Amino acid sequence: MERYKSVKIASILGIIGNVFLLIIKSIIGFITNSQAMIADSFNSAGDIFSSLMTYIGNKIANIPSDDDHNLGHGKAEYIYSMLISLVMIIMSIKILIDSISSIINQDKYTFSIWLIIVCIITILTKLCLFIYTNKLANKHNNLLIKANSYDHRNDCIITTFNLISCLFSLINIYWLDGIVGIGISIWIFYTSAKIFKDSYDVLMDKSISEEAKEKVLKIIDKHKEIKKIRHFNSTPVGYKYQISVTIFVDGNLSTFESHEIADNLEKEIIKEIEEIYLAVIHVNPIEIKKDNKTSKRTSK
């Protein structure tokens, strides 16, 4: 619940902040014909969409599991993250084309002190939003809010270069405006492609990290009654994972004893490893022979 509320507040703040920036950037950009500022305004428009998708995706992802969705709706977080990245990629291509055109046509724009003021306002606003959302992204491991955090960070960097190009126009160097527009488009494309890949990996059921898997194996290794393991599988469930593994125990143990080992192991794994939402342990009997020193990890 805390995770849901935190992301909800962050997305609403993002929408409000980006609507404000879109308005002032668009007005000043079109008045002065600054390609970098216009590109920056398109970026803010994309940020509004990103924050809106974050809000909707977060709401759907937190719907409890039901008969039709036994493992919940957590993957909505990644579907909406992918939508955000696709829109950002399209936007970056549009900005790139417009920026190259402005260089070829040697477009000039009218310098205004408002260009400087808007840049400073944008940098301060986005810096505050970045610090806030980055803290939440790290705390809750949420790809949606991480995507928003990247947006805010990128905007700080982008607008800083925009500010530099404005200052260069004072000495009649206008080509830098188009160059900054190109830089903005490349940066947006890069970050959106990364978000797309992260979303794609989860939607395509990418396995749990090797680090988390090693933690599971270490927990299993502590239990001397478990003689061997096999069939280690993992499936993403929202921002966490469901794992299943088959363990082999002494066939002379009673059914109750062997299943008690599995039940306790499931509880221990979920308690010790934050990335794991559900652990399913299957139990198989094994014949124990004298001096049997088979490694637990020989069977995958």
C-alpha atoms as a PDB file:
ATOM      1  CA  MET A   1       0.000   0.000   0.000  1.00  0.00           C
ATOM      2  CA  GLU A   2       2.850   2.393   0.830  1.00  0.00           C
ATOM      3  CA  ARG A   3       4.462   1.597  -2.539  1.00  0.00           C
ATOM      4  CA  TYR A   4       1.204   2.333  -4.369  1.00  0.00           C
ATOM      5  CA  LYS A   5       0.598   5.636  -2.554  1.00  0.00           C
ATOM      6  CA  SER A   6       4.173   6.820  -3.058  1.00  0.00           C
ATOM      7  CA  VAL A   7       4.104   6.170  -6.818  1.00  0.00           C
ATOM      8  CA  LYS A   8       0.636   7.763  -7.079  1.00  0.00           C
ATOM      9  CA  ILE A   9       1.835  10.983  -5.442  1.00  0.00           C
ATOM     10  CA  ALA A  10       4.992  11.042  -7.574  1.00  0.00           C
ATOM     11  CA  SER A  11       2.996  10.639 -10.798  1.00  0.00           C
ATOM     12  CA  ILE A  12       0.555  13.405  -9.859  1.00  0.00           C
ATOM     13  CA  LEU A  13       3.421  15.762  -9.004  1.00  0.00           C
ATOM     14  CA  GLY A  14       5.042  14.839 -12.327  1.00  0.00           C
ATOM     15  CA  ILE A  15       1.864  15.681 -14.259  1.00  0.00           C
ATOM     16  CA  ILE A  16       1.443  19.044 -12.524  1.00  0.00           C
ATOM     17  CA  GLY A  17       5.108  20.002 -12.894  1.00  0.00           C
ATOM     18  CA  ASN A  18       5.321  18.993 -16.555  1.00  0.00           C
ATOM     19  CA  VAL A  19       2.077  20.747 -17.551  1.00  0.00           C
ATOM     20  CA  PHE A  20       3.487  23.941 -16.090  1.00  0.00           C
ATOM     21  CA  LEU A  21       6.817  23.499 -17.909  1.00  0.00           C
ATOM     22  CA  LEU A  22       5.121  22.575 -21.200  1.00  0.00           C
ATOM     23  CA  ILE A  23       3.127  25.808 -21.164  1.00  0.00           C
ATOM     24  CA  ILE A  24       6.037  28.149 -20.504  1.00  0.00           C
ATOM     25  CA  LYS A  25       8.459  26.301 -22.812  1.00  0.00           C
ATOM     26  CA  SER A  26       5.979  26.248 -25.700  1.00  0.00           C
ATOM     27  CA  ILE A  27       5.138  29.926 -25.405  1.00  0.00           C
ATOM     28  CA  ILE A  28       8.768  31.088 -25.223  1.00  0.00           C
ATOM     29  CA  GLY A  29       9.996  28.507 -27.759  1.00  0.00           C
ATOM     30  CA  PHE A  30       7.556  29.491 -30.500  1.00  0.00           C
ATOM     31  CA  ILE A  31       7.882  33.236 -29.805  1.00  0.00           C
ATOM     32  CA  THR A  32      11.688  33.107 -30.139  1.00  0.00           C
ATOM     33  CA  ASN A  33      11.771  30.260 -32.724  1.00  0.00           C
ATOM     34  CA  SER A  34      14.340  28.441 -30.573  1.00  0.00           C
ATOM     35  CA  GLN A  35      14.563  24.853 -31.875  1.00  0.00           C
ATOM     36  CA  ALA A  36      16.180  23.655 -28.650  1.00  0.00           C
ATOM     37  CA  MET A  37      13.394  25.175 -26.526  1.00  0.00           C
ATOM     38  CA  ILE A  38      10.698  23.760 -28.825  1.00  0.00           C
ATOM     39  CA  ALA A  39      12.371  20.341 -28.579  1.00  0.00           C
ATOM     40  CA  ASP A  40      12.427  20.777 -24.820  1.00  0.00           C
ATOM     41  CA  SER A  41       8.686  21.533 -24.842  1.00  0.00           C
ATOM     42  CA  PHE A  42       8.047  18.304 -26.807  1.00  0.00           C
ATOM     43  CA  ASN A  43      10.074  16.535 -24.155  1.00  0.00           C
ATOM     44  CA  SER A  44       7.792  17.987 -21.451  1.00  0.00           C
ATOM     45  CA  ALA A  45       4.745  16.810 -23.412  1.00  0.00           C
ATOM     46  CA  GLY A  46       6.220  13.325 -23.418  1.00  0.00           C
ATOM     47  CA  ASP A  47       6.866  13.630 -19.687  1.00  0.00           C
ATOM     48  CA  ILE A  48       3.186  14.420 -19.086  1.00  0.00           C
ATOM     49  CA  PHE A  49       2.260  11.243 -20.937  1.00  0.00           C
ATOM     50  CA  SER A  50       4.878   9.306 -18.950  1.00  0.00           C
ATOM     51  CA  SER A  51       3.512  10.556 -15.628  1.00  0.00           C
ATOM     52  CA  LEU A  52      -0.055   9.753 -16.727  1.00  0.00           C
ATOM     53  CA  MET A  53       0.969   6.229 -17.761  1.00  0.00           C
ATOM     54  CA  THR A  54       2.765   5.864 -14.429  1.00  0.00           C
ATOM     55  CA  TYR A  55      -0.443   6.788 -12.606  1.00  0.00           C
ATOM     56  CA  ILE A  56      -2.627   4.384 -14.627  1.00  0.00           C
ATOM     57  CA  GLY A  57      -0.081   1.551 -14.672  1.00  0.00           C
ATOM     58  CA  ASN A  58       0.517   1.836 -10.941  1.00  0.00           C
ATOM     59  CA  LYS A  59      -3.239   1.714 -10.259  1.00  0.00           C
ATOM     60  CA  ILE A  60      -3.740  -1.426 -12.371  1.00  0.00           C
ATOM     61  CA  ALA A  61      -0.603  -3.157 -11.052  1.00  0.00           C
ATOM     62  CA  ASN A  62      -1.904  -2.881  -7.493  1.00  0.00           C
ATOM     63  CA  ILE A  63      -5.225  -4.627  -8.178  1.00  0.00           C
ATOM     64  CA  PRO A  64      -5.221  -7.826  -6.043  1.00  0.00           C
ATOM     65  CA  SER A  65      -5.120 -11.271  -7.651  1.00  0.00           C
ATOM     66  CA  ASP A  66      -8.434 -12.748  -8.758  1.00  0.00           C
ATOM     67  CA  ASP A  67      -9.809 -15.837 -10.519  1.00  0.00           C
ATOM     68  CA  ASP A  68      -8.705 -14.540 -13.935  1.00  0.00           C
ATOM     69  CA  HIS A  69      -5.308 -13.272 -12.765  1.00  0.00           C
ATOM     70  CA  ASN A  70      -4.042 -15.681 -10.132  1.00  0.00           C
ATOM     71  CA  LEU A  71      -0.692 -13.940  -9.765  1.00  0.00           C
ATOM     72  CA  GLY A  72      -2.121 -10.425  -9.653  1.00  0.00           C
ATOM     73  CA  HIS A  73      -1.755  -7.560 -12.154  1.00  0.00           C
ATOM     74  CA  GLY A  74       1.854  -6.630 -11.456  1.00  0.00           C
ATOM     75  CA  LYS A  75       2.974  -6.869 -15.093  1.00  0.00           C
ATOM     76  CA  ALA A  76       0.814  -3.846 -15.933  1.00  0.00           C
ATOM     77  CA  GLU A  77       3.710  -1.834 -14.526  1.00  0.00           C
ATOM     78  CA  TYR A  78       5.935  -3.102 -17.345  1.00  0.00           C
ATOM     79  CA  ILE A  79       3.306  -2.869 -20.089  1.00  0.00           C
ATOM     80  CA  TYR A  80       2.837   0.829 -19.339  1.00  0.00           C
ATOM     81  CA  SER A  81       6.583   1.351 -19.016  1.00  0.00           C
ATOM     82  CA  MET A  82       6.929  -0.085 -22.522  1.00  0.00           C
ATOM     83  CA  LEU A  83       4.219   2.275 -23.808  1.00  0.00           C
ATOM     84  CA  ILE A  84       6.093   5.201 -22.285  1.00  0.00           C
ATOM     85  CA  SER A  85       9.328   4.137 -23.963  1.00  0.00           C
ATOM     86  CA  LEU A  86       7.688   3.741 -27.400  1.00  0.00           C
ATOM     87  CA  VAL A  87       6.176   7.224 -27.280  1.00  0.00           C
ATOM     88  CA  MET A  88       9.527   8.649 -26.177  1.00  0.00           C
ATOM     89  CA  ILE A  89      11.304   6.912 -29.086  1.00  0.00           C
ATOM     90  CA  ILE A  90       8.829   8.362 -31.611  1.00  0.00           C
ATOM     91  CA  MET A  91       9.234  11.800 -30.037  1.00  0.00           C
ATOM     92  CA  SER A  92      13.034  11.583 -30.192  1.00  0.00           C
ATOM     93  CA  ILE A  93      12.926  10.827 -33.936  1.00  0.00           C
ATOM     94  CA  LYS A  94      10.659  13.847 -34.542  1.00  0.00           C
ATOM     95  CA  ILE A  95      13.009  16.134 -32.582  1.00  0.00           C
ATOM     96  CA  LEU A  96      16.026  14.771 -34.473  1.00  0.00           C
ATOM     97  CA  ILE A  97      14.445  15.491 -37.874  1.00  0.00           C
ATOM     98  CA  ASP A  98      13.421  19.036 -36.870  1.00  0.00           C
ATOM     99  CA  SER A  99      16.852  19.818 -35.397  1.00  0.00           C
ATOM    100  CA  ILE A 100      18.750  18.626 -38.488  1.00  0.00           C
ATOM    101  CA  SER A 101      16.377  20.682 -40.641  1.00  0.00           C
ATOM    102  CA  SER A 102      17.088  23.820 -38.584  1.00  0.00           C
ATOM    103  CA  ILE A 103      20.860  23.383 -39.104  1.00  0.00           C
ATOM    104  CA  ILE A 104      20.530  22.792 -42.860  1.00  0.00           C
ATOM    105  CA  ASN A 105      18.196  25.775 -43.306  1.00  0.00           C
ATOM    106  CA  GLN A 106      20.339  27.903 -40.951  1.00  0.00           C
ATOM    107  CA  ASP A 107      17.294  28.869 -38.885  1.00  0.00           C
ATOM    108  CA  LYS A 108      17.826  31.709 -36.438  1.00  0.00           C
ATOM    109  CA  TYR A 109      15.843  32.632 -33.396  1.00  0.00           C
ATOM    110  CA  THR A 110      15.300  35.790 -31.380  1.00  0.00           C
ATOM    111  CA  PHE A 111      17.186  35.878 -28.112  1.00  0.00           C
ATOM    112  CA  SER A 112      15.081  36.664 -25.081  1.00  0.00           C
ATOM    113  CA  ILE A 113      15.911  36.827 -21.409  1.00  0.00           C
ATOM    114  CA  TRP A 114      12.849  34.614 -20.955  1.00  0.00           C
ATOM    115  CA  LEU A 115      14.752  31.751 -22.575  1.00  0.00           C
ATOM    116  CA  ILE A 116      17.255  31.961 -19.725  1.00  0.00           C
ATOM    117  CA  ILE A 117      14.529  32.263 -17.082  1.00  0.00           C
ATOM    118  CA  VAL A 118      12.583  29.267 -18.435  1.00  0.00           C
ATOM    119  CA  CYS A 119      15.754  27.165 -18.511  1.00  0.00           C
ATOM    120  CA  ILE A 120      16.552  27.980 -14.885  1.00  0.00           C
ATOM    121  CA  ILE A 121      12.960  27.291 -13.760  1.00  0.00           C
ATOM    122  CA  THR A 122      13.021  23.953 -15.626  1.00  0.00           C
ATOM    123  CA  ILE A 123      16.357  22.872 -14.138  1.00  0.00           C
ATOM    124  CA  LEU A 124      15.243  23.647 -10.568  1.00  0.00           C
ATOM    125  CA  THR A 125      11.821  22.005 -11.001  1.00  0.00           C
ATOM    126  CA  LYS A 126      13.222  18.868 -12.596  1.00  0.00           C
ATOM    127  CA  LEU A 127      16.052  18.576 -10.098  1.00  0.00           C
ATOM    128  CA  CYS A 128      13.545  18.511  -7.223  1.00  0.00           C
ATOM    129  CA  LEU A 129      11.377  15.947  -9.020  1.00  0.00           C
ATOM    130  CA  PHE A 130      14.425  13.802  -9.811  1.00  0.00           C
ATOM    131  CA  ILE A 131      15.643  13.721  -6.208  1.00  0.00           C
ATOM    132  CA  TYR A 132      12.162  12.761  -5.001  1.00  0.00           C
ATOM    133  CA  THR A 133      11.389  10.093  -7.639  1.00  0.00           C
ATOM    134  CA  ASN A 134      14.898   8.609  -7.576  1.00  0.00           C
ATOM    135  CA  LYS A 135      14.551   8.058  -3.835  1.00  0.00           C
ATOM    136  CA  LEU A 136      11.198   6.308  -4.382  1.00  0.00           C
ATOM    137  CA  ALA A 137      12.536   4.216  -7.300  1.00  0.00           C
ATOM    138  CA  ASN A 138      15.391   2.900  -5.167  1.00  0.00           C
ATOM    139  CA  LYS A 139      13.140   2.295  -2.176  1.00  0.00           C
ATOM    140  CA  HIS A 140      10.373   0.422  -4.008  1.00  0.00           C
ATOM    141  CA  ASN A 141      12.265  -0.999  -7.028  1.00  0.00           C
ATOM    142  CA  ASN A 142       9.546   0.302  -9.369  1.00  0.00           C
ATOM    143  CA  LEU A 143      10.357   0.499 -13.099  1.00  0.00           C
ATOM    144  CA  LEU A 144       7.541   2.969 -13.779  1.00  0.00           C
ATOM    145  CA  ILE A 145       8.827   5.494 -11.264  1.00  0.00           C
ATOM    146  CA  LYS A 146      12.398   4.740 -12.354  1.00  0.00           C
ATOM    147  CA  ALA A 147      11.383   5.723 -15.911  1.00  0.00           C
ATOM    148  CA  ASN A 148       9.987   8.985 -14.543  1.00  0.00           C
ATOM    149  CA  SER A 149      13.147   9.508 -12.535  1.00  0.00           C
ATOM    150  CA  TYR A 150      15.252   9.088 -15.691  1.00  0.00           C
ATOM    151  CA  ASP A 151      13.032  11.637 -17.418  1.00  0.00           C
ATOM    152  CA  HIS A 152      13.543  14.223 -14.698  1.00  0.00           C
ATOM    153  CA  ARG A 153      17.304  13.639 -14.610  1.00  0.00           C
ATOM    154  CA  ASN A 154      17.575  13.844 -18.379  1.00  0.00           C
ATOM    155  CA  ASP A 155      15.635  17.087 -18.415  1.00  0.00           C
ATOM    156  CA  CYS A 156      18.102  18.671 -16.002  1.00  0.00           C
ATOM    157  CA  ILE A 157      20.994  17.776 -18.320  1.00  0.00           C
ATOM    158  CA  ILE A 158      19.115  18.628 -21.517  1.00  0.00           C
ATOM    159  CA  THR A 159      17.969  22.025 -20.284  1.00  0.00           C
ATOM    160  CA  THR A 160      21.464  22.846 -19.051  1.00  0.00           C
ATOM    161  CA  PHE A 161      22.745  22.415 -22.606  1.00  0.00           C
ATOM    162  CA  ASN A 162      19.736  24.388 -23.824  1.00  0.00           C
ATOM    163  CA  LEU A 163      20.784  27.198 -21.506  1.00  0.00           C
ATOM    164  CA  ILE A 164      24.327  27.099 -22.914  1.00  0.00           C
ATOM    165  CA  SER A 165      23.013  27.349 -26.487  1.00  0.00           C
ATOM    166  CA  CYS A 166      20.916  30.386 -25.492  1.00  0.00           C
ATOM    167  CA  LEU A 167      24.008  32.123 -24.130  1.00  0.00           C
ATOM    168  CA  PHE A 168      25.948  31.349 -27.321  1.00  0.00           C
ATOM    169  CA  SER A 169      23.248  33.043 -29.375  1.00  0.00           C
ATOM    170  CA  LEU A 170      24.322  36.320 -27.774  1.00  0.00           C
ATOM    171  CA  ILE A 171      27.484  36.130 -29.895  1.00  0.00           C
ATOM    172  CA  ASN A 172      25.539  35.075 -32.999  1.00  0.00           C
ATOM    173  CA  ILE A 173      26.326  31.363 -32.781  1.00  0.00           C
ATOM    174  CA  TYR A 174      22.960  29.853 -33.734  1.00  0.00           C
ATOM    175  CA  TRP A 175      24.008  26.449 -35.078  1.00  0.00           C
ATOM    176  CA  LEU A 176      24.537  25.238 -31.512  1.00  0.00           C
ATOM    177  CA  ASP A 177      20.760  25.449 -31.009  1.00  0.00           C
ATOM    178  CA  GLY A 178      20.221  22.721 -33.616  1.00  0.00           C
ATOM    179  CA  ILE A 179      23.096  20.666 -32.220  1.00  0.00           C
ATOM    180  CA  VAL A 180      21.507  20.768 -28.764  1.00  0.00           C
ATOM    181  CA  GLY A 181      18.211  19.647 -30.329  1.00  0.00           C
ATOM    182  CA  ILE A 182      20.021  16.657 -31.864  1.00  0.00           C
ATOM    183  CA  GLY A 183      21.663  15.894 -28.526  1.00  0.00           C
ATOM    184  CA  ILE A 184      18.275  15.992 -26.820  1.00  0.00           C
ATOM    185  CA  SER A 185      16.807  13.546 -29.346  1.00  0.00           C
ATOM    186  CA  ILE A 186      19.698  11.089 -28.966  1.00  0.00           C
ATOM    187  CA  TRP A 187      19.510  11.222 -25.171  1.00  0.00           C
ATOM    188  CA  ILE A 188      15.748  10.630 -25.180  1.00  0.00           C
ATOM    189  CA  PHE A 189      16.156   7.714 -27.606  1.00  0.00           C
ATOM    190  CA  TYR A 190      18.877   6.101 -25.473  1.00  0.00           C
ATOM    191  CA  THR A 191      16.995   6.294 -22.163  1.00  0.00           C
ATOM    192  CA  SER A 192      13.696   5.197 -23.723  1.00  0.00           C
ATOM    193  CA  ALA A 193      15.406   2.216 -25.417  1.00  0.00           C
ATOM    194  CA  LYS A 194      16.777   1.163 -22.018  1.00  0.00           C
ATOM    195  CA  ILE A 195      13.319   1.355 -20.443  1.00  0.00           C
ATOM    196  CA  PHE A 196      11.917  -0.651 -23.365  1.00  0.00           C
ATOM    197  CA  LYS A 197      14.518  -3.386 -22.846  1.00  0.00           C
ATOM    198  CA  ASP A 198      13.875  -3.587 -19.095  1.00  0.00           C
ATOM    199  CA  SER A 199      10.121  -3.868 -19.702  1.00  0.00           C
ATOM    200  CA  TYR A 200      10.582  -6.409 -22.494  1.00  0.00           C
ATOM    201  CA  ASP A 201      12.783  -8.619 -20.296  1.00  0.00           C
ATOM    202  CA  VAL A 202      10.116  -8.893 -17.610  1.00  0.00           C
ATOM    203  CA  LEU A 203       7.216  -9.376 -20.043  1.00  0.00           C
ATOM    204  CA  MET A 204       9.200 -12.158 -21.718  1.00  0.00           C
ATOM    205  CA  ASP A 205       9.677 -13.831 -18.311  1.00  0.00           C
ATOM    206  CA  LYS A 206      13.365 -13.127 -17.857  1.00  0.00           C
ATOM    207  CA  SER A 207      14.886 -15.290 -15.142  1.00  0.00           C
ATOM    208  CA  ILE A 208      15.737 -14.002 -11.705  1.00  0.00           C
ATOM    209  CA  SER A 209      19.188 -12.439 -11.338  1.00  0.00           C
ATOM    210  CA  GLU A 210      22.166 -14.700 -10.706  1.00  0.00           C
ATOM    211  CA  GLU A 211      22.761 -12.854  -7.442  1.00  0.00           C
ATOM    212  CA  ALA A 212      19.259 -13.669  -6.148  1.00  0.00           C
ATOM    213  CA  LYS A 213      19.517 -17.258  -7.400  1.00  0.00           C
ATOM    214  CA  GLU A 214      22.807 -17.675  -5.548  1.00  0.00           C
ATOM    215  CA  LYS A 215      21.108 -16.472  -2.351  1.00  0.00           C
ATOM    216  CA  VAL A 216      18.463 -19.177  -2.751  1.00  0.00           C
ATOM    217  CA  LEU A 217      21.087 -21.852  -3.313  1.00  0.00           C
ATOM    218  CA  LYS A 218      22.998 -20.752  -0.206  1.00  0.00           C
ATOM    219  CA  ILE A 219      19.838 -21.065   1.878  1.00  0.00           C
ATOM    220  CA  ILE A 220      19.244 -24.561   0.502  1.00  0.00           C
ATOM    221  CA  ASP A 221      22.878 -25.512   1.179  1.00  0.00           C
ATOM    222  CA  LYS A 222      22.356 -24.792   4.890  1.00  0.00           C
ATOM    223  CA  HIS A 223      19.820 -27.618   5.103  1.00  0.00           C
ATOM    224  CA  LYS A 224      21.796 -30.849   5.366  1.00  0.00           C
ATOM    225  CA  GLU A 225      18.621 -32.927   5.043  1.00  0.00           C
ATOM    226  CA  ILE A 226      18.301 -31.732   1.427  1.00  0.00           C
ATOM    227  CA  LYS A 227      20.530 -34.042  -0.626  1.00  0.00           C
ATOM    228  CA  LYS A 228      20.074 -32.689  -4.142  1.00  0.00           C
ATOM    229  CA  ILE A 229      18.102 -30.089  -6.110  1.00  0.00           C
ATOM    230  CA  ARG A 230      16.756 -29.978  -9.647  1.00  0.00           C
ATOM    231  CA  HIS A 231      14.537 -27.850 -11.923  1.00  0.00           C
ATOM    232  CA  PHE A 232      15.224 -24.351 -10.600  1.00  0.00           C
ATOM    233  CA  ASN A 233      12.746 -22.069 -12.411  1.00  0.00           C
ATOM    234  CA  SER A 234      11.704 -18.444 -11.948  1.00  0.00           C
ATOM    235  CA  THR A 235       8.943 -16.235 -13.361  1.00  0.00           C
ATOM    236  CA  PRO A 236       8.506 -12.473 -12.895  1.00  0.00           C
ATOM    237  CA  VAL A 237       5.373 -11.424 -11.018  1.00  0.00           C
ATOM    238  CA  GLY A 238       5.216  -7.643 -11.204  1.00  0.00           C
ATOM    239  CA  TYR A 239       8.442  -6.342  -9.704  1.00  0.00           C
ATOM    240  CA  LYS A 240       9.137  -9.619  -7.835  1.00  0.00           C
ATOM    241  CA  TYR A 241       9.610 -13.266  -8.807  1.00  0.00           C
ATOM    242  CA  GLN A 242       7.967 -16.607  -8.264  1.00  0.00           C
ATOM    243  CA  ILE A 243      10.443 -19.481  -8.064  1.00  0.00           C
ATOM    244  CA  SER A 244      10.037 -23.242  -8.070  1.00  0.00           C
ATOM    245  CA  VAL A 245      12.618 -25.876  -7.286  1.00  0.00           C
ATOM    246  CA  THR A 246      12.586 -29.629  -6.720  1.00  0.00           C
ATOM    247  CA  ILE A 247      14.447 -30.913  -3.676  1.00  0.00           C
ATOM    248  CA  PHE A 248      15.440 -34.488  -2.914  1.00  0.00           C
ATOM    249  CA  VAL A 249      15.348 -35.784   0.652  1.00  0.00           C
ATOM    250  CA  ASP A 250      15.873 -39.140   2.338  1.00  0.00           C
ATOM    251  CA  GLY A 251      13.188 -41.506   1.068  1.00  0.00           C
ATOM    252  CA  ASN A 252      12.966 -43.049   4.539  1.00  0.00           C
ATOM    253  CA  LEU A 253      11.436 -39.840   5.924  1.00  0.00           C
ATOM    254  CA  SER A 254       7.681 -39.787   6.406  1.00  0.00           C
ATOM    255  CA  THR A 255       5.503 -37.767   4.021  1.00  0.00           C
ATOM    256  CA  PHE A 256       4.817 -35.282   6.819  1.00  0.00           C
ATOM    257  CA  GLU A 257       8.526 -34.843   7.611  1.00  0.00           C
ATOM    258  CA  SER A 258       9.582 -34.316   3.991  1.00  0.00           C
ATOM    259  CA  HIS A 259       6.813 -31.791   3.325  1.00  0.00           C
ATOM    260  CA  GLU A 260       7.594 -29.966   6.541  1.00  0.00           C
ATOM    261  CA  ILE A 261      11.148 -29.458   5.226  1.00  0.00           C
ATOM    262  CA  ALA A 262       9.721 -27.996   2.000  1.00  0.00           C
ATOM    263  CA  ASP A 263       7.234 -25.735   3.820  1.00  0.00           C
ATOM    264  CA  ASN A 264       9.902 -24.334   6.131  1.00  0.00           C
ATOM    265  CA  LEU A 265      12.245 -23.766   3.203  1.00  0.00           C
ATOM    266  CA  GLU A 266       9.554 -21.824   1.293  1.00  0.00           C
ATOM    267  CA  LYS A 267       8.950 -19.541   4.271  1.00  0.00           C
ATOM    268  CA  GLU A 268      12.668 -18.983   4.817  1.00  0.00           C
ATOM    269  CA  ILE A 269      13.328 -18.054   1.171  1.00  0.00           C
ATOM    270  CA  ILE A 270      10.440 -15.545   1.042  1.00  0.00           C
ATOM    271  CA  LYS A 271      11.525 -14.016   4.345  1.00  0.00           C
ATOM    272  CA  GLU A 272      15.218 -13.717   3.476  1.00  0.00           C
ATOM    273  CA  ILE A 273      15.070 -12.651  -0.199  1.00  0.00           C
ATOM    274  CA  GLU A 274      13.094  -9.505  -0.993  1.00  0.00           C
ATOM    275  CA  GLU A 275      12.974 -10.163  -4.774  1.00  0.00           C
ATOM    276  CA  ILE A 276      10.927 -13.345  -4.276  1.00  0.00           C
ATOM    277  CA  TYR A 277       7.143 -13.107  -4.024  1.00  0.00           C
ATOM    278  CA  LEU A 278       6.375 -16.835  -3.931  1.00  0.00           C
ATOM    279  CA  ALA A 279       8.486 -19.976  -3.506  1.00  0.00           C
ATOM    280  CA  VAL A 280       7.111 -23.370  -4.552  1.00  0.00           C
ATOM    281  CA  ILE A 281       9.165 -26.352  -3.369  1.00  0.00           C
ATOM    282  CA  HIS A 282       8.513 -29.823  -4.782  1.00  0.00           C
ATOM    283  CA  VAL A 283       9.744 -32.815  -2.790  1.00  0.00           C
ATOM    284  CA  ASN A 284      11.101 -36.066  -4.218  1.00  0.00           C
ATOM    285  CA  PRO A 285      12.500 -39.040  -2.253  1.00  0.00           C
ATOM    286  CA  ILE A 286      16.015 -40.255  -2.861  1.00  0.00           C
ATOM    287  CA  GLU A 287      17.720 -43.447  -1.772  1.00  0.00           C
ATOM    288  CA  ILE A 288      20.501 -42.661   0.656  1.00  0.00           C
ATOM    289  CA  LYS A 289      23.592 -44.820   0.342  1.00  0.00           C
ATOM    290  CA  LYS A 290      26.607 -44.877   2.566  1.00  0.00           C
ATOM    291  CA  ASP A 291      29.328 -42.353   1.649  1.00  0.00           C
ATOM    292  CA  ASN A 292      26.976 -40.656  -0.825  1.00  0.00           C
ATOM    293  CA  LYS A 293      28.583 -37.250  -1.391  1.00  0.00           C
ATOM    294  CA  THR A 294      26.558 -36.038  -4.355  1.00  0.00           C
ATOM    295  CA  SER A 295      26.598 -32.235  -4.661  1.00  0.00           C
ATOM    296  CA  LYS A 296      23.246 -30.508  -4.303  1.00  0.00           C
ATOM    297  CA  ARG A 297      23.978 -28.355  -7.328  1.00  0.00           C
ATOM    298  CA  THR A 298      24.860 -31.078  -9.829  1.00  0.00           C
ATOM    299  CA  SER A 299      21.287 -31.202 -11.119  1.00  0.00           C
ATOM    300  CA  LYS A 300      19.650 -28.056 -12.418  1.00  0.00           C
END
